[in-house]
Amino acid sequence: MPLITAAQHARLLDQGRQRARDPGFDPVPVAKVYTPDAGVVWLLAYAYPDDPRRLHGLCDANTGFPQLADIRLDDLEAIRGPRGVPLAADPRFTPTRTLSDYAARAIAHGAYVED
């Protein structure tokens, strides 16, 4: 099963195109992926139109320092937690904030914070 669906990837690309046209565009995350055995969370917000497998989002690597970062989809798919468990998609994730709002809250708390 893919980490993100084709529909999610299409939306990530749409938001990436909008971001390319308007650098001030603050997207709503499209997908949440996480390590079930390590507490790492990624909120994925857009894909780069010129490199569709390069994604941008909020990364909370469970170090106390969440940050906005880019990552390749291939690299996300290769991540394993300490027990070898791959990343999983959160099918219940329903975003209620923009990416910058999630990032500000995570940075203030030192971790991704659920609503």
PDB file of N, CA and C in Angstrom:
ATOM      1  N   MET A   1       0.838  -1.181   0.000  1.00  0.00           N
ATOM      2  CA  MET A   1       0.000   0.000   0.000  1.00  0.00           C
ATOM      3  C   MET A   1       0.884   1.246   0.000  1.00  0.00           C
ATOM      4  N   PRO A   2       0.606   2.210  -0.866  1.00  0.00           N
ATOM      5  CA  PRO A   2       1.448   3.411  -0.922  1.00  0.00           C
ATOM      6  C   PRO A   2       1.265   4.281   0.329  1.00  0.00           C
ATOM      7  N   LEU A   3       2.311   5.026   0.635  1.00  0.00           N
ATOM      8  CA  LEU A   3       2.283   5.907   1.798  1.00  0.00           C
ATOM      9  C   LEU A   3       1.255   7.023   1.627  1.00  0.00           C
ATOM     10  N   ILE A   4       1.182   7.581   0.421  1.00  0.00           N
ATOM     11  CA  ILE A   4       0.147   8.572   0.119  1.00  0.00           C
ATOM     12  C   ILE A   4      -0.613   8.098  -1.118  1.00  0.00           C
ATOM     13  N   THR A   5      -1.858   8.466  -1.197  1.00  0.00           N
ATOM     14  CA  THR A   5      -2.682   8.046  -2.327  1.00  0.00           C
ATOM     15  C   THR A   5      -2.396   8.914  -3.553  1.00  0.00           C
ATOM     16  N   ALA A   6      -2.836   8.449  -4.700  1.00  0.00           N
ATOM     17  CA  ALA A   6      -2.695   9.234  -5.931  1.00  0.00           C
ATOM     18  C   ALA A   6      -3.442  10.557  -5.807  1.00  0.00           C
ATOM     19  N   ALA A   7      -4.603  10.529  -5.174  1.00  0.00           N
ATOM     20  CA  ALA A   7      -5.381  11.768  -4.988  1.00  0.00           C
ATOM     21  C   ALA A   7      -4.634  12.746  -4.076  1.00  0.00           C
ATOM     22  N   GLN A   8      -4.012  12.238  -3.016  1.00  0.00           N
ATOM     23  CA  GLN A   8      -3.232  13.108  -2.134  1.00  0.00           C
ATOM     24  C   GLN A   8      -2.032  13.689  -2.876  1.00  0.00           C
ATOM     25  N   HIS A   9      -1.368  12.865  -3.676  1.00  0.00           N
ATOM     26  CA  HIS A   9      -0.211  13.361  -4.424  1.00  0.00           C
ATOM     27  C   HIS A   9      -0.635  14.427  -5.422  1.00  0.00           C
ATOM     28  N   ALA A  10      -1.770  14.239  -6.064  1.00  0.00           N
ATOM     29  CA  ALA A  10      -2.287  15.249  -6.993  1.00  0.00           C
ATOM     30  C   ALA A  10      -2.563  16.559  -6.255  1.00  0.00           C
ATOM     31  N   ARG A  11      -3.124  16.457  -5.073  1.00  0.00           N
ATOM     32  CA  ARG A  11      -3.390  17.674  -4.279  1.00  0.00           C
ATOM     33  C   ARG A  11      -2.082  18.325  -3.826  1.00  0.00           C
ATOM     34  N   LEU A  12      -1.108  17.519  -3.428  1.00  0.00           N
ATOM     35  CA  LEU A  12       0.207  18.068  -3.064  1.00  0.00           C
ATOM     36  C   LEU A  12       0.807  18.829  -4.245  1.00  0.00           C
ATOM     37  N   LEU A  13       0.680  18.273  -5.437  1.00  0.00           N
ATOM     38  CA  LEU A  13       1.190  18.959  -6.635  1.00  0.00           C
ATOM     39  C   LEU A  13       0.411  20.239  -6.926  1.00  0.00           C
ATOM     40  N   ASP A  14      -0.900  20.203  -6.779  1.00  0.00           N
ATOM     41  CA  ASP A  14      -1.710  21.418  -6.977  1.00  0.00           C
ATOM     42  C   ASP A  14      -1.264  22.516  -6.020  1.00  0.00           C
ATOM     43  N   GLN A  15      -1.049  22.141  -4.769  1.00  0.00           N
ATOM     44  CA  GLN A  15      -0.614  23.141  -3.789  1.00  0.00           C
ATOM     45  C   GLN A  15       0.810  23.603  -4.076  1.00  0.00           C
ATOM     46  N   GLY A  16       1.639  22.727  -4.620  1.00  0.00           N
ATOM     47  CA  GLY A  16       2.989  23.125  -5.016  1.00  0.00           C
ATOM     48  C   GLY A  16       2.965  24.121  -6.163  1.00  0.00           C
ATOM     49  N   ARG A  17       2.068  23.916  -7.113  1.00  0.00           N
ATOM     50  CA  ARG A  17       1.926  24.872  -8.222  1.00  0.00           C
ATOM     51  C   ARG A  17       1.447  26.219  -7.704  1.00  0.00           C
ATOM     52  N   GLN A  18       0.493  26.182  -6.789  1.00  0.00           N
ATOM     53  CA  GLN A  18      -0.002  27.436  -6.221  1.00  0.00           C
ATOM     54  C   GLN A  18       1.108  28.138  -5.437  1.00  0.00           C
ATOM     55  N   ARG A  19       1.888  27.379  -4.708  1.00  0.00           N
ATOM     56  CA  ARG A  19       3.012  27.947  -3.947  1.00  0.00           C
ATOM     57  C   ARG A  19       4.056  28.548  -4.889  1.00  0.00           C
ATOM     58  N   ALA A  20       4.286  27.909  -6.048  1.00  0.00           N
ATOM     59  CA  ALA A  20       5.247  28.434  -7.031  1.00  0.00           C
ATOM     60  C   ALA A  20       4.749  29.762  -7.603  1.00  0.00           C
ATOM     61  N   ARG A  21       3.443  29.878  -7.811  1.00  0.00           N
ATOM     62  CA  ARG A  21       2.872  31.129  -8.327  1.00  0.00           C
ATOM     63  C   ARG A  21       2.811  32.211  -7.261  1.00  0.00           C
ATOM     64  N   ASP A  22       2.583  31.803  -6.014  1.00  0.00           N
ATOM     65  CA  ASP A  22       2.402  32.740  -4.907  1.00  0.00           C
ATOM     66  C   ASP A  22       3.212  32.264  -3.714  1.00  0.00           C
ATOM     67  N   PRO A  23       4.452  32.752  -3.562  1.00  0.00           N
ATOM     68  CA  PRO A  23       5.308  32.294  -2.457  1.00  0.00           C
ATOM     69  C   PRO A  23       4.711  32.549  -1.071  1.00  0.00           C
ATOM     70  N   GLY A  24       3.729  33.427  -0.968  1.00  0.00           N
ATOM     71  CA  GLY A  24       3.078  33.682   0.318  1.00  0.00           C
ATOM     72  C   GLY A  24       1.961  32.704   0.635  1.00  0.00           C
ATOM     73  N   PHE A  25       1.651  31.823  -0.302  1.00  0.00           N
ATOM     74  CA  PHE A  25       0.584  30.837  -0.098  1.00  0.00           C
ATOM     75  C   PHE A  25       0.946  29.930   1.072  1.00  0.00           C
ATOM     76  N   ASP A  26       0.024  29.801   2.007  1.00  0.00           N
ATOM     77  CA  ASP A  26       0.219  28.975   3.199  1.00  0.00           C
ATOM     78  C   ASP A  26      -0.746  27.792   3.119  1.00  0.00           C
ATOM     79  N   PRO A  27      -0.285  26.653   2.607  1.00  0.00           N
ATOM     80  CA  PRO A  27      -1.187  25.528   2.374  1.00  0.00           C
ATOM     81  C   PRO A  27      -1.644  24.838   3.651  1.00  0.00           C
ATOM     82  N   VAL A  28      -2.731  24.142   3.517  1.00  0.00           N
ATOM     83  CA  VAL A  28      -3.213  23.245   4.561  1.00  0.00           C
ATOM     84  C   VAL A  28      -2.558  21.883   4.280  1.00  0.00           C
ATOM     85  N   PRO A  29      -2.036  21.213   5.288  1.00  0.00           N
ATOM     86  CA  PRO A  29      -1.435  19.897   5.044  1.00  0.00           C
ATOM     87  C   PRO A  29      -2.426  18.934   4.382  1.00  0.00           C
ATOM     88  N   VAL A  30      -1.892  18.076   3.550  1.00  0.00           N
ATOM     89  CA  VAL A  30      -2.695  17.113   2.805  1.00  0.00           C
ATOM     90  C   VAL A  30      -2.689  15.748   3.487  1.00  0.00           C
ATOM     91  N   ALA A  31      -1.570  15.377   4.080  1.00  0.00           N
ATOM     92  CA  ALA A  31      -1.440  14.045   4.675  1.00  0.00           C
ATOM     93  C   ALA A  31      -0.548  14.103   5.912  1.00  0.00           C
ATOM     94  N   LYS A  32      -0.816  13.165   6.810  1.00  0.00           N
ATOM     95  CA  LYS A  32       0.023  12.975   7.997  1.00  0.00           C
ATOM     96  C   LYS A  32       0.551  11.550   7.935  1.00  0.00           C
ATOM     97  N   VAL A  33       1.871  11.422   8.039  1.00  0.00           N
ATOM     98  CA  VAL A  33       2.504  10.107   8.130  1.00  0.00           C
ATOM     99  C   VAL A  33       3.342  10.081   9.403  1.00  0.00           C
ATOM    100  N   TYR A  34       3.531   8.896   9.948  1.00  0.00           N
ATOM    101  CA  TYR A  34       4.209   8.793  11.243  1.00  0.00           C
ATOM    102  C   TYR A  34       4.849   7.423  11.404  1.00  0.00           C
ATOM    103  N   THR A  35       5.776   7.343  12.340  1.00  0.00           N
ATOM    104  CA  THR A  35       6.362   6.058  12.699  1.00  0.00           C
ATOM    105  C   THR A  35       5.577   5.519  13.887  1.00  0.00           C
ATOM    106  N   PRO A  36       4.909   4.383  13.728  1.00  0.00           N
ATOM    107  CA  PRO A  36       4.128   3.832  14.832  1.00  0.00           C
ATOM    108  C   PRO A  36       4.971   3.476  16.056  1.00  0.00           C
ATOM    109  N   ASP A  37       6.272   3.258  15.854  1.00  0.00           N
ATOM    110  CA  ASP A  37       7.124   2.827  16.966  1.00  0.00           C
ATOM    111  C   ASP A  37       8.177   3.853  17.381  1.00  0.00           C
ATOM    112  N   ALA A  38       8.044   5.113  16.923  1.00  0.00           N
ATOM    113  CA  ALA A  38       9.099   6.070  17.284  1.00  0.00           C
ATOM    114  C   ALA A  38       8.610   7.496  17.520  1.00  0.00           C
ATOM    115  N   GLY A  39       7.369   7.802  17.251  1.00  0.00           N
ATOM    116  CA  GLY A  39       6.853   9.144  17.516  1.00  0.00           C
ATOM    117  C   GLY A  39       7.284  10.197  16.520  1.00  0.00           C
ATOM    118  N   VAL A  40       7.766   9.813  15.353  1.00  0.00           N
ATOM    119  CA  VAL A  40       8.126  10.775  14.308  1.00  0.00           C
ATOM    120  C   VAL A  40       6.881  11.064  13.484  1.00  0.00           C
ATOM    121  N   VAL A  41       6.665  12.354  13.196  1.00  0.00           N
ATOM    122  CA  VAL A  41       5.476  12.777  12.441  1.00  0.00           C
ATOM    123  C   VAL A  41       5.894  13.704  11.313  1.00  0.00           C
ATOM    124  N   TRP A  42       5.294  13.490  10.151  1.00  0.00           N
ATOM    125  CA  TRP A  42       5.422  14.413   9.023  1.00  0.00           C
ATOM    126  C   TRP A  42       4.018  14.865   8.630  1.00  0.00           C
ATOM    127  N   LEU A  43       3.810  16.184   8.516  1.00  0.00           N
ATOM    128  CA  LEU A  43       2.609  16.739   7.890  1.00  0.00           C
ATOM    129  C   LEU A  43       3.041  17.219   6.516  1.00  0.00           C
ATOM    130  N   LEU A  44       2.524  16.610   5.480  1.00  0.00           N
ATOM    131  CA  LEU A  44       2.941  16.913   4.107  1.00  0.00           C
ATOM    132  C   LEU A  44       2.004  17.946   3.499  1.00  0.00           C
ATOM    133  N   ALA A  45       2.579  19.030   2.963  1.00  0.00           N
ATOM    134  CA  ALA A  45       1.754  20.148   2.494  1.00  0.00           C
ATOM    135  C   ALA A  45       1.811  20.393   0.996  1.00  0.00           C
ATOM    136  N   TYR A  46       2.966  20.188   0.370  1.00  0.00           N
ATOM    137  CA  TYR A  46       3.020  20.360  -1.082  1.00  0.00           C
ATOM    138  C   TYR A  46       4.187  19.605  -1.689  1.00  0.00           C
ATOM    139  N   ALA A  47       4.057  19.367  -2.999  1.00  0.00           N
ATOM    140  CA  ALA A  47       5.112  18.752  -3.800  1.00  0.00           C
ATOM    141  C   ALA A  47       5.600  19.793  -4.793  1.00  0.00           C
ATOM    142  N   TYR A  48       6.859  19.708  -5.143  1.00  0.00           N
ATOM    143  CA  TYR A  48       7.443  20.662  -6.089  1.00  0.00           C
ATOM    144  C   TYR A  48       7.068  20.258  -7.510  1.00  0.00           C
ATOM    145  N   PRO A  49       6.486  21.170  -8.287  1.00  0.00           N
ATOM    146  CA  PRO A  49       6.062  20.823  -9.652  1.00  0.00           C
ATOM    147  C   PRO A  49       7.210  20.330 -10.541  1.00  0.00           C
ATOM    148  N   ASP A  50       8.427  20.856 -10.334  1.00  0.00           N
ATOM    149  CA  ASP A  50       9.566  20.453 -11.159  1.00  0.00           C
ATOM    150  C   ASP A  50      10.238  19.165 -10.656  1.00  0.00           C
ATOM    151  N   ASP A  51       9.820  18.690  -9.483  1.00  0.00           N
ATOM    152  CA  ASP A  51      10.357  17.466  -8.887  1.00  0.00           C
ATOM    153  C   ASP A  51       9.254  16.864  -8.004  1.00  0.00           C
ATOM    154  N   PRO A  52       8.259  16.234  -8.608  1.00  0.00           N
ATOM    155  CA  PRO A  52       7.057  15.818  -7.885  1.00  0.00           C
ATOM    156  C   PRO A  52       7.260  14.849  -6.722  1.00  0.00           C
ATOM    157  N   ARG A  53       8.411  14.231  -6.619  1.00  0.00           N
ATOM    158  CA  ARG A  53       8.650  13.322  -5.493  1.00  0.00           C
ATOM    159  C   ARG A  53       9.332  14.039  -4.324  1.00  0.00           C
ATOM    160  N   ARG A  54       9.602  15.335  -4.507  1.00  0.00           N
ATOM    161  CA  ARG A  54      10.154  16.157  -3.416  1.00  0.00           C
ATOM    162  C   ARG A  54       8.985  16.854  -2.731  1.00  0.00           C
ATOM    163  N   LEU A  55       8.835  16.601  -1.444  1.00  0.00           N
ATOM    164  CA  LEU A  55       7.710  17.111  -0.675  1.00  0.00           C
ATOM    165  C   LEU A  55       8.182  18.094   0.388  1.00  0.00           C
ATOM    166  N   HIS A  56       7.271  18.960   0.784  1.00  0.00           N
ATOM    167  CA  HIS A  56       7.573  19.936   1.835  1.00  0.00           C
ATOM    168  C   HIS A  56       6.521  19.797   2.929  1.00  0.00           C
ATOM    169  N   GLY A  57       6.977  19.902   4.162  1.00  0.00           N
ATOM    170  CA  GLY A  57       6.026  19.824   5.261  1.00  0.00           C
ATOM    171  C   GLY A  57       6.700  20.039   6.597  1.00  0.00           C
ATOM    172  N   LEU A  58       5.942  19.765   7.637  1.00  0.00           N
ATOM    173  CA  LEU A  58       6.420  19.873   9.008  1.00  0.00           C
ATOM    174  C   LEU A  58       6.953  18.513   9.434  1.00  0.00           C
ATOM    175  N   CYS A  59       8.173  18.495   9.934  1.00  0.00           N
ATOM    176  CA  CYS A  59       8.776  17.270  10.438  1.00  0.00           C
ATOM    177  C   CYS A  59       8.998  17.400  11.940  1.00  0.00           C
ATOM    178  N   ASP A  60       8.430  16.489  12.680  1.00  0.00           N
ATOM    179  CA  ASP A  60       8.732  16.364  14.103  1.00  0.00           C
ATOM    180  C   ASP A  60       9.437  15.025  14.264  1.00  0.00           C
ATOM    181  N   ALA A  61      10.761  15.084  14.357  1.00  0.00           N
ATOM    182  CA  ALA A  61      11.575  13.874  14.463  1.00  0.00           C
ATOM    183  C   ALA A  61      11.701  13.387  15.901  1.00  0.00           C
ATOM    184  N   ASN A  62      10.858  13.926  16.786  1.00  0.00           N
ATOM    185  CA  ASN A  62      10.833  13.516  18.191  1.00  0.00           C
ATOM    186  C   ASN A  62      12.141  13.852  18.900  1.00  0.00           C
ATOM    187  N   THR A  63      12.726  14.995  18.506  1.00  0.00           N
ATOM    188  CA  THR A  63      13.966  15.459  19.123  1.00  0.00           C
ATOM    189  C   THR A  63      13.748  16.723  19.953  1.00  0.00           C
ATOM    190  N   GLY A  64      12.521  17.264  19.914  1.00  0.00           N
ATOM    191  CA  GLY A  64      12.231  18.522  20.610  1.00  0.00           C
ATOM    192  C   GLY A  64      12.383  19.733  19.721  1.00  0.00           C
ATOM    193  N   PHE A  65      12.738  19.520  18.447  1.00  0.00           N
ATOM    194  CA  PHE A  65      12.966  20.626  17.526  1.00  0.00           C
ATOM    195  C   PHE A  65      12.253  20.399  16.187  1.00  0.00           C
ATOM    196  N   PRO A  66      10.924  20.462  16.183  1.00  0.00           N
ATOM    197  CA  PRO A  66      10.210  20.292  14.909  1.00  0.00           C
ATOM    198  C   PRO A  66      10.566  21.418  13.949  1.00  0.00           C
ATOM    199  N   GLN A  67      10.516  21.118  12.656  1.00  0.00           N
ATOM    200  CA  GLN A  67      10.886  22.130  11.670  1.00  0.00           C
ATOM    201  C   GLN A  67      10.203  21.884  10.335  1.00  0.00           C
ATOM    202  N   LEU A  68      10.116  22.936   9.544  1.00  0.00           N
ATOM    203  CA  LEU A  68       9.650  22.814   8.166  1.00  0.00           C
ATOM    204  C   LEU A  68      10.825  22.332   7.339  1.00  0.00           C
ATOM    205  N   ALA A  69      10.577  21.341   6.490  1.00  0.00           N
ATOM    206  CA  ALA A  69      11.684  20.747   5.737  1.00  0.00           C
ATOM    207  C   ALA A  69      11.160  20.068   4.477  1.00  0.00           C
ATOM    208  N   ASP A  70      12.086  19.787   3.575  1.00  0.00           N
ATOM    209  CA  ASP A  70      11.802  19.019   2.372  1.00  0.00           C
ATOM    210  C   ASP A  70      12.286  17.588   2.591  1.00  0.00           C
ATOM    211  N   ILE A  71      11.615  16.661   1.926  1.00  0.00           N
ATOM    212  CA  ILE A  71      12.047  15.272   1.929  1.00  0.00           C
ATOM    213  C   ILE A  71      11.527  14.618   0.651  1.00  0.00           C
ATOM    214  N   ARG A  72      12.269  13.693   0.166  1.00  0.00           N
ATOM    215  CA  ARG A  72      11.839  12.951  -1.029  1.00  0.00           C
ATOM    216  C   ARG A  72      10.884  11.835  -0.592  1.00  0.00           C
ATOM    217  N   LEU A  73       9.869  11.609  -1.406  1.00  0.00           N
ATOM    218  CA  LEU A  73       8.906  10.562  -1.110  1.00  0.00           C
ATOM    219  C   LEU A  73       9.606   9.210  -0.974  1.00  0.00           C
ATOM    220  N   ASP A  74      10.606   8.965  -1.806  1.00  0.00           N
ATOM    221  CA  ASP A  74      11.370   7.707  -1.716  1.00  0.00           C
ATOM    222  C   ASP A  74      12.019   7.554  -0.343  1.00  0.00           C
ATOM    223  N   ASP A  75      12.538   8.658   0.191  1.00  0.00           N
ATOM    224  CA  ASP A  75      13.169   8.603   1.508  1.00  0.00           C
ATOM    225  C   ASP A  75      12.139   8.351   2.605  1.00  0.00           C
ATOM    226  N   LEU A  76      10.965   8.983   2.490  1.00  0.00           N
ATOM    227  CA  LEU A  76       9.899   8.726   3.464  1.00  0.00           C
ATOM    228  C   LEU A  76       9.514   7.243   3.451  1.00  0.00           C
ATOM    229  N   GLU A  77       9.381   6.699   2.251  1.00  0.00           N
ATOM    230  CA  GLU A  77       8.976   5.310   2.118  1.00  0.00           C
ATOM    231  C   GLU A  77      10.027   4.345   2.677  1.00  0.00           C
ATOM    232  N   ALA A  78      11.273   4.795   2.756  1.00  0.00           N
ATOM    233  CA  ALA A  78      12.361   3.938   3.252  1.00  0.00           C
ATOM    234  C   ALA A  78      12.556   4.031   4.764  1.00  0.00           C
ATOM    235  N   ILE A  79      11.962   5.027   5.407  1.00  0.00           N
ATOM    236  CA  ILE A  79      12.155   5.220   6.850  1.00  0.00           C
ATOM    237  C   ILE A  79      11.546   4.062   7.626  1.00  0.00           C
ATOM    238  N   ARG A  80      12.304   3.605   8.612  1.00  0.00           N
ATOM    239  CA  ARG A  80      11.849   2.567   9.527  1.00  0.00           C
ATOM    240  C   ARG A  80      12.113   3.050  10.950  1.00  0.00           C
ATOM    241  N   GLY A  81      11.216   2.707  11.850  1.00  0.00           N
ATOM    242  CA  GLY A  81      11.415   3.025  13.259  1.00  0.00           C
ATOM    243  C   GLY A  81      12.410   2.062  13.881  1.00  0.00           C
ATOM    244  N   PRO A  82      12.663   2.181  15.178  1.00  0.00           N
ATOM    245  CA  PRO A  82      13.667   1.348  15.843  1.00  0.00           C
ATOM    246  C   PRO A  82      13.351  -0.148  15.819  1.00  0.00           C
ATOM    247  N   ARG A  83      12.089  -0.504  15.645  1.00  0.00           N
ATOM    248  CA  ARG A  83      11.718  -1.918  15.558  1.00  0.00           C
ATOM    249  C   ARG A  83      11.530  -2.370  14.116  1.00  0.00           C
ATOM    250  N   GLY A  84      11.953  -1.508  13.166  1.00  0.00           N
ATOM    251  CA  GLY A  84      11.852  -1.856  11.758  1.00  0.00           C
ATOM    252  C   GLY A  84      10.486  -1.594  11.145  1.00  0.00           C
ATOM    253  N   VAL A  85       9.608  -0.914  11.874  1.00  0.00           N
ATOM    254  CA  VAL A  85       8.253  -0.648  11.390  1.00  0.00           C
ATOM    255  C   VAL A  85       8.296   0.554  10.438  1.00  0.00           C
ATOM    256  N   PRO A  86       7.725   0.411   9.242  1.00  0.00           N
ATOM    257  CA  PRO A  86       7.728   1.526   8.286  1.00  0.00           C
ATOM    258  C   PRO A  86       6.741   2.628   8.691  1.00  0.00           C
ATOM    259  N   LEU A  87       6.901   3.772   8.046  1.00  0.00           N
ATOM    260  CA  LEU A  87       5.948   4.856   8.252  1.00  0.00           C
ATOM    261  C   LEU A  87       4.549   4.391   7.889  1.00  0.00           C
ATOM    262  N   ALA A  88       3.564   4.991   8.533  1.00  0.00           N
ATOM    263  CA  ALA A  88       2.162   4.698   8.238  1.00  0.00           C
ATOM    264  C   ALA A  88       1.443   6.020   7.983  1.00  0.00           C
ATOM    265  N   ALA A  89       0.419   5.953   7.175  1.00  0.00           N
ATOM    266  CA  ALA A  89      -0.432   7.119   6.931  1.00  0.00           C
ATOM    267  C   ALA A  89      -1.537   7.137   7.982  1.00  0.00           C
ATOM    268  N   ASP A  90      -1.902   8.326   8.413  1.00  0.00           N
ATOM    269  CA  ASP A  90      -3.004   8.472   9.363  1.00  0.00           C
ATOM    270  C   ASP A  90      -4.274   8.766   8.578  1.00  0.00           C
ATOM    271  N   PRO A  91      -5.126   7.767   8.367  1.00  0.00           N
ATOM    272  CA  PRO A  91      -6.322   7.972   7.548  1.00  0.00           C
ATOM    273  C   PRO A  91      -7.352   8.874   8.215  1.00  0.00           C
ATOM    274  N   ARG A  92      -7.222   9.099   9.522  1.00  0.00           N
ATOM    275  CA  ARG A  92      -8.178   9.959  10.239  1.00  0.00           C
ATOM    276  C   ARG A  92      -7.748  11.414  10.275  1.00  0.00           C
ATOM    277  N   PHE A  93      -6.552  11.720   9.771  1.00  0.00           N
ATOM    278  CA  PHE A  93      -6.058  13.099   9.821  1.00  0.00           C
ATOM    279  C   PHE A  93      -6.958  14.014   8.998  1.00  0.00           C
ATOM    280  N   THR A  94      -7.488  15.014   9.657  1.00  0.00           N
ATOM    281  CA  THR A  94      -8.294  16.046   9.006  1.00  0.00           C
ATOM    282  C   THR A  94      -7.704  17.383   9.430  1.00  0.00           C
ATOM    283  N   PRO A  95      -6.993  18.053   8.533  1.00  0.00           N
ATOM    284  CA  PRO A  95      -6.329  19.297   8.918  1.00  0.00           C
ATOM    285  C   PRO A  95      -7.339  20.389   9.276  1.00  0.00           C
ATOM    286  N   THR A  96      -6.976  21.163  10.282  1.00  0.00           N
ATOM    287  CA  THR A  96      -7.814  22.276  10.719  1.00  0.00           C
ATOM    288  C   THR A  96      -7.051  23.594  10.699  1.00  0.00           C
ATOM    289  N   ARG A  97      -5.796  23.549  10.291  1.00  0.00           N
ATOM    290  CA  ARG A  97      -4.927  24.727  10.306  1.00  0.00           C
ATOM    291  C   ARG A  97      -4.064  24.746   9.050  1.00  0.00           C
ATOM    292  N   THR A  98      -3.434  25.883   8.831  1.00  0.00           N
ATOM    293  CA  THR A  98      -2.453  25.969   7.755  1.00  0.00           C
ATOM    294  C   THR A  98      -1.138  25.373   8.242  1.00  0.00           C
ATOM    295  N   LEU A  99      -0.257  25.108   7.301  1.00  0.00           N
ATOM    296  CA  LEU A  99       1.046  24.550   7.651  1.00  0.00           C
ATOM    297  C   LEU A  99       1.795  25.455   8.626  1.00  0.00           C
ATOM    298  N   SER A 100       1.785  26.757   8.383  1.00  0.00           N
ATOM    299  CA  SER A 100       2.515  27.663   9.288  1.00  0.00           C
ATOM    300  C   SER A 100       1.910  27.657  10.688  1.00  0.00           C
ATOM    301  N   ASP A 101       0.603  27.486  10.800  1.00  0.00           N
ATOM    302  CA  ASP A 101      -0.024  27.390  12.124  1.00  0.00           C
ATOM    303  C   ASP A 101       0.434  26.125  12.852  1.00  0.00           C
ATOM    304  N   TYR A 102       0.420  24.997  12.141  1.00  0.00           N
ATOM    305  CA  TYR A 102       0.905  23.754  12.763  1.00  0.00           C
ATOM    306  C   TYR A 102       2.371  23.904  13.171  1.00  0.00           C
ATOM    307  N   ALA A 103       3.176  24.520  12.307  1.00  0.00           N
ATOM    308  CA  ALA A 103       4.605  24.682  12.606  1.00  0.00           C
ATOM    309  C   ALA A 103       4.812  25.568  13.828  1.00  0.00           C
ATOM    310  N   ALA A 104       4.100  26.680  13.901  1.00  0.00           N
ATOM    311  CA  ALA A 104       4.257  27.596  15.042  1.00  0.00           C
ATOM    312  C   ALA A 104       3.889  26.893  16.349  1.00  0.00           C
ATOM    313  N   ARG A 105       2.808  26.138  16.330  1.00  0.00           N
ATOM    314  CA  ARG A 105       2.397  25.411  17.540  1.00  0.00           C
ATOM    315  C   ARG A 105       3.431  24.335  17.909  1.00  0.00           C
ATOM    316  N   ALA A 106       3.924  23.617  16.910  1.00  0.00           N
ATOM    317  CA  ALA A 106       4.905  22.565  17.180  1.00  0.00           C
ATOM    318  C   ALA A 106       6.201  23.151  17.730  1.00  0.00           C
ATOM    319  N   ILE A 107       6.655  24.235  17.140  1.00  0.00           N
ATOM    320  CA  ILE A 107       7.903  24.855  17.604  1.00  0.00           C
ATOM    321  C   ILE A 107       7.732  25.379  19.027  1.00  0.00           C
ATOM    322  N   ALA A 108       6.585  26.002  19.315  1.00  0.00           N
ATOM    323  CA  ALA A 108       6.325  26.518  20.664  1.00  0.00           C
ATOM    324  C   ALA A 108       6.271  25.406  21.708  1.00  0.00           C
ATOM    325  N   HIS A 109       5.757  24.235  21.328  1.00  0.00           N
ATOM    326  CA  HIS A 109       5.626  23.114  22.261  1.00  0.00           C
ATOM    327  C   HIS A 109       6.799  22.134  22.204  1.00  0.00           C
ATOM    328  N   GLY A 110       7.670  22.296  21.212  1.00  0.00           N
ATOM    329  CA  GLY A 110       8.783  21.368  21.059  1.00  0.00           C
ATOM    330  C   GLY A 110       8.368  20.030  20.480  1.00  0.00           C
ATOM    331  N   ALA A 111       7.142  19.973  19.937  1.00  0.00           N
ATOM    332  CA  ALA A 111       6.631  18.735  19.347  1.00  0.00           C
ATOM    333  C   ALA A 111       5.344  19.038  18.577  1.00  0.00           C
ATOM    334  N   TYR A 112       5.035  18.186  17.615  1.00  0.00           N
ATOM    335  CA  TYR A 112       3.748  18.289  16.913  1.00  0.00           C
ATOM    336  C   TYR A 112       2.631  18.120  17.931  1.00  0.00           C
ATOM    337  N   VAL A 113       1.642  18.988  17.847  1.00  0.00           N
ATOM    338  CA  VAL A 113       0.524  18.966  18.788  1.00  0.00           C
ATOM    339  C   VAL A 113      -0.751  18.674  18.018  1.00  0.00           C
ATOM    340  N   GLU A 114      -1.460  17.626  18.421  1.00  0.00           N
ATOM    341  CA  GLU A 114      -2.765  17.325  17.830  1.00  0.00           C
ATOM    342  C   GLU A 114      -3.751  18.405  18.250  1.00  0.00           C
ATOM    343  N   ASP A 115      -4.726  18.634  17.402  1.00  0.00           N
ATOM    344  CA  ASP A 115      -5.767  19.614  17.750  1.00  0.00           C
ATOM    345  C   ASP A 115      -6.675  19.072  18.822  1.00  0.00           C
TER     346      ASP A 115
END
